[in-house]
Amino acid sequence: AVNLGMRHIDLTAEQRQHLQTTYQTSPDPRERQRAQALLLSHRGWKLAQIADLFEVDRDTISQWFDRWQGQQPCDGPPLRDAARSGRPPHLTPPEKKA
């Protein structure tokens, strides 16, 4: 069995900078939260501690880590929510602006 509490994310200096910028500037609170979780893991926080901080299940944190490790972080948005199915909007972006 794998001890999920010991999972750890190692980051390069470039990745740390990318996550710090995301944490400070992203308009999406979920993306900021996920960036912070990765930074905390890099700093030595345990999976259970991060899950407690954000009041989510450890499996959720593990999924964030899986998504981060499965993509090149600077080439795409691994911290953003995936597109969801549903009814398309009635208004186009220019119509919404008006």
C-alpha atoms as a PDB file:
ATOM      1  CA  ALA A   1       0.000   0.000   0.000  1.00  0.00           C
ATOM      2  CA  VAL A   2       1.132   3.516  -0.775  1.00  0.00           C
ATOM      3  CA  ASN A   3       1.267   5.976   2.114  1.00  0.00           C
ATOM      4  CA  LEU A   4      -0.557   8.976   0.650  1.00  0.00           C
ATOM      5  CA  GLY A   5       0.472  11.139   3.591  1.00  0.00           C
ATOM      6  CA  MET A   6       4.073  11.003   2.410  1.00  0.00           C
ATOM      7  CA  ARG A   7       3.454  12.188  -1.137  1.00  0.00           C
ATOM      8  CA  HIS A   8       5.619  15.158  -2.020  1.00  0.00           C
ATOM      9  CA  ILE A   9       5.936  17.499  -4.991  1.00  0.00           C
ATOM     10  CA  ASP A  10       9.414  18.665  -6.009  1.00  0.00           C
ATOM     11  CA  LEU A  11       9.447  21.844  -8.060  1.00  0.00           C
ATOM     12  CA  THR A  12      12.075  23.505 -10.217  1.00  0.00           C
ATOM     13  CA  ALA A  13      12.769  27.208  -9.706  1.00  0.00           C
ATOM     14  CA  GLU A  14      10.780  27.935 -12.889  1.00  0.00           C
ATOM     15  CA  GLN A  15       7.810  25.898 -11.656  1.00  0.00           C
ATOM     16  CA  ARG A  16       7.901  27.619  -8.252  1.00  0.00           C
ATOM     17  CA  GLN A  17       7.872  31.025  -9.951  1.00  0.00           C
ATOM     18  CA  HIS A  18       4.999  29.973 -12.223  1.00  0.00           C
ATOM     19  CA  LEU A  19       2.962  28.718  -9.248  1.00  0.00           C
ATOM     20  CA  GLN A  20       3.756  31.795  -7.150  1.00  0.00           C
ATOM     21  CA  THR A  21       2.581  34.043  -9.991  1.00  0.00           C
ATOM     22  CA  THR A  22      -0.559  31.929 -10.450  1.00  0.00           C
ATOM     23  CA  TYR A  23      -1.250  32.035  -6.699  1.00  0.00           C
ATOM     24  CA  GLN A  24      -0.895  35.823  -6.614  1.00  0.00           C
ATOM     25  CA  THR A  25      -2.599  36.825  -9.860  1.00  0.00           C
ATOM     26  CA  SER A  26      -5.106  34.226 -11.082  1.00  0.00           C
ATOM     27  CA  PRO A  27      -8.713  35.442 -11.082  1.00  0.00           C
ATOM     28  CA  ASP A  28      -9.819  31.827 -10.445  1.00  0.00           C
ATOM     29  CA  PRO A  29      -9.867  31.014  -6.707  1.00  0.00           C
ATOM     30  CA  ARG A  30      -9.650  27.261  -7.359  1.00  0.00           C
ATOM     31  CA  GLU A  31      -6.573  27.701  -9.511  1.00  0.00           C
ATOM     32  CA  ARG A  32      -4.973  29.849  -6.770  1.00  0.00           C
ATOM     33  CA  GLN A  33      -5.823  27.190  -4.168  1.00  0.00           C
ATOM     34  CA  ARG A  34      -4.240  24.406  -6.228  1.00  0.00           C
ATOM     35  CA  ALA A  35      -1.113  26.472  -6.837  1.00  0.00           C
ATOM     36  CA  GLN A  36      -0.823  27.089  -3.100  1.00  0.00           C
ATOM     37  CA  ALA A  37      -1.252  23.369  -2.368  1.00  0.00           C
ATOM     38  CA  LEU A  38       1.623  22.493  -4.705  1.00  0.00           C
ATOM     39  CA  LEU A  39       3.830  25.175  -3.162  1.00  0.00           C
ATOM     40  CA  LEU A  40       3.047  23.911   0.339  1.00  0.00           C
ATOM     41  CA  SER A  41       3.911  20.350  -0.664  1.00  0.00           C
ATOM     42  CA  HIS A  42       7.216  21.551  -2.069  1.00  0.00           C
ATOM     43  CA  ARG A  43       7.897  23.256   1.271  1.00  0.00           C
ATOM     44  CA  GLY A  44       7.421  19.983   3.139  1.00  0.00           C
ATOM     45  CA  TRP A  45       3.751  19.992   4.118  1.00  0.00           C
ATOM     46  CA  LYS A  46       2.192  16.533   4.225  1.00  0.00           C
ATOM     47  CA  LEU A  47      -0.789  15.617   2.071  1.00  0.00           C
ATOM     48  CA  ALA A  48      -3.040  15.318   5.141  1.00  0.00           C
ATOM     49  CA  GLN A  49      -1.999  18.777   6.386  1.00  0.00           C
ATOM     50  CA  ILE A  50      -2.819  20.356   3.007  1.00  0.00           C
ATOM     51  CA  ALA A  51      -6.164  18.522   2.890  1.00  0.00           C
ATOM     52  CA  ASP A  52      -6.991  19.795   6.391  1.00  0.00           C
ATOM     53  CA  LEU A  53      -6.027  23.359   5.465  1.00  0.00           C
ATOM     54  CA  PHE A  54      -8.292  23.419   2.407  1.00  0.00           C
ATOM     55  CA  GLU A  55     -10.990  21.255   4.048  1.00  0.00           C
ATOM     56  CA  VAL A  56     -10.991  18.706   1.239  1.00  0.00           C
ATOM     57  CA  ASP A  57     -10.342  14.975   1.086  1.00  0.00           C
ATOM     58  CA  ARG A  58      -6.763  13.736   0.706  1.00  0.00           C
ATOM     59  CA  ASP A  59      -7.826  12.087  -2.557  1.00  0.00           C
ATOM     60  CA  THR A  60      -8.704  15.539  -3.914  1.00  0.00           C
ATOM     61  CA  ILE A  61      -5.225  16.855  -3.142  1.00  0.00           C
ATOM     62  CA  SER A  62      -3.751  13.722  -4.695  1.00  0.00           C
ATOM     63  CA  GLN A  63      -5.773  14.360  -7.863  1.00  0.00           C
ATOM     64  CA  TRP A  64      -4.406  17.929  -8.041  1.00  0.00           C
ATOM     65  CA  PHE A  65      -0.883  16.528  -7.761  1.00  0.00           C
ATOM     66  CA  ASP A  66      -1.630  13.907 -10.452  1.00  0.00           C
ATOM     67  CA  ARG A  67      -2.856  16.598 -12.827  1.00  0.00           C
ATOM     68  CA  TRP A  68       0.207  18.739 -12.140  1.00  0.00           C
ATOM     69  CA  GLN A  69       2.608  15.867 -12.735  1.00  0.00           C
ATOM     70  CA  GLY A  70       0.768  14.706 -15.863  1.00  0.00           C
ATOM     71  CA  GLN A  71       1.245  17.960 -17.784  1.00  0.00           C
ATOM     72  CA  GLN A  72       3.968  20.477 -18.407  1.00  0.00           C
ATOM     73  CA  PRO A  73       2.793  23.277 -16.101  1.00  0.00           C
ATOM     74  CA  CYS A  74       3.969  26.184 -18.205  1.00  0.00           C
ATOM     75  CA  ASP A  75       2.466  24.770 -21.417  1.00  0.00           C
ATOM     76  CA  GLY A  76      -1.110  24.404 -20.268  1.00  0.00           C
ATOM     77  CA  PRO A  77      -3.600  24.975 -17.479  1.00  0.00           C
ATOM     78  CA  PRO A  78      -3.300  21.871 -15.248  1.00  0.00           C
ATOM     79  CA  LEU A  79      -4.615  23.808 -12.257  1.00  0.00           C
ATOM     80  CA  ARG A  80      -7.834  24.995 -13.898  1.00  0.00           C
ATOM     81  CA  ASP A  81     -11.114  23.137 -13.747  1.00  0.00           C
ATOM     82  CA  ALA A  82     -11.779  20.907 -16.728  1.00  0.00           C
ATOM     83  CA  ALA A  83     -14.526  21.949 -19.126  1.00  0.00           C
ATOM     84  CA  ARG A  84     -17.888  20.663 -18.022  1.00  0.00           C
ATOM     85  CA  SER A  85     -20.771  19.462 -20.062  1.00  0.00           C
ATOM     86  CA  GLY A  86     -23.952  21.422 -19.982  1.00  0.00           C
ATOM     87  CA  ARG A  87     -26.200  23.719 -21.862  1.00  0.00           C
ATOM     88  CA  PRO A  88     -24.295  26.252 -23.978  1.00  0.00           C
ATOM     89  CA  PRO A  89     -24.791  29.923 -23.079  1.00  0.00           C
ATOM     90  CA  HIS A  90     -27.477  31.857 -24.914  1.00  0.00           C
ATOM     91  CA  LEU A  91     -25.417  35.013 -25.219  1.00  0.00           C
ATOM     92  CA  THR A  92     -22.158  35.382 -27.097  1.00  0.00           C
ATOM     93  CA  PRO A  93     -19.300  37.159 -25.270  1.00  0.00           C
ATOM     94  CA  PRO A  94     -19.943  40.442 -27.188  1.00  0.00           C
ATOM     95  CA  GLU A  95     -23.641  40.233 -26.266  1.00  0.00           C
ATOM     96  CA  LYS A  96     -22.764  39.696 -22.602  1.00  0.00           C
ATOM     97  CA  LYS A  97     -20.493  42.727 -22.674  1.00  0.00           C
ATOM     98  CA  ALA A  98     -23.276  44.892 -24.070  1.00  0.00           C
END
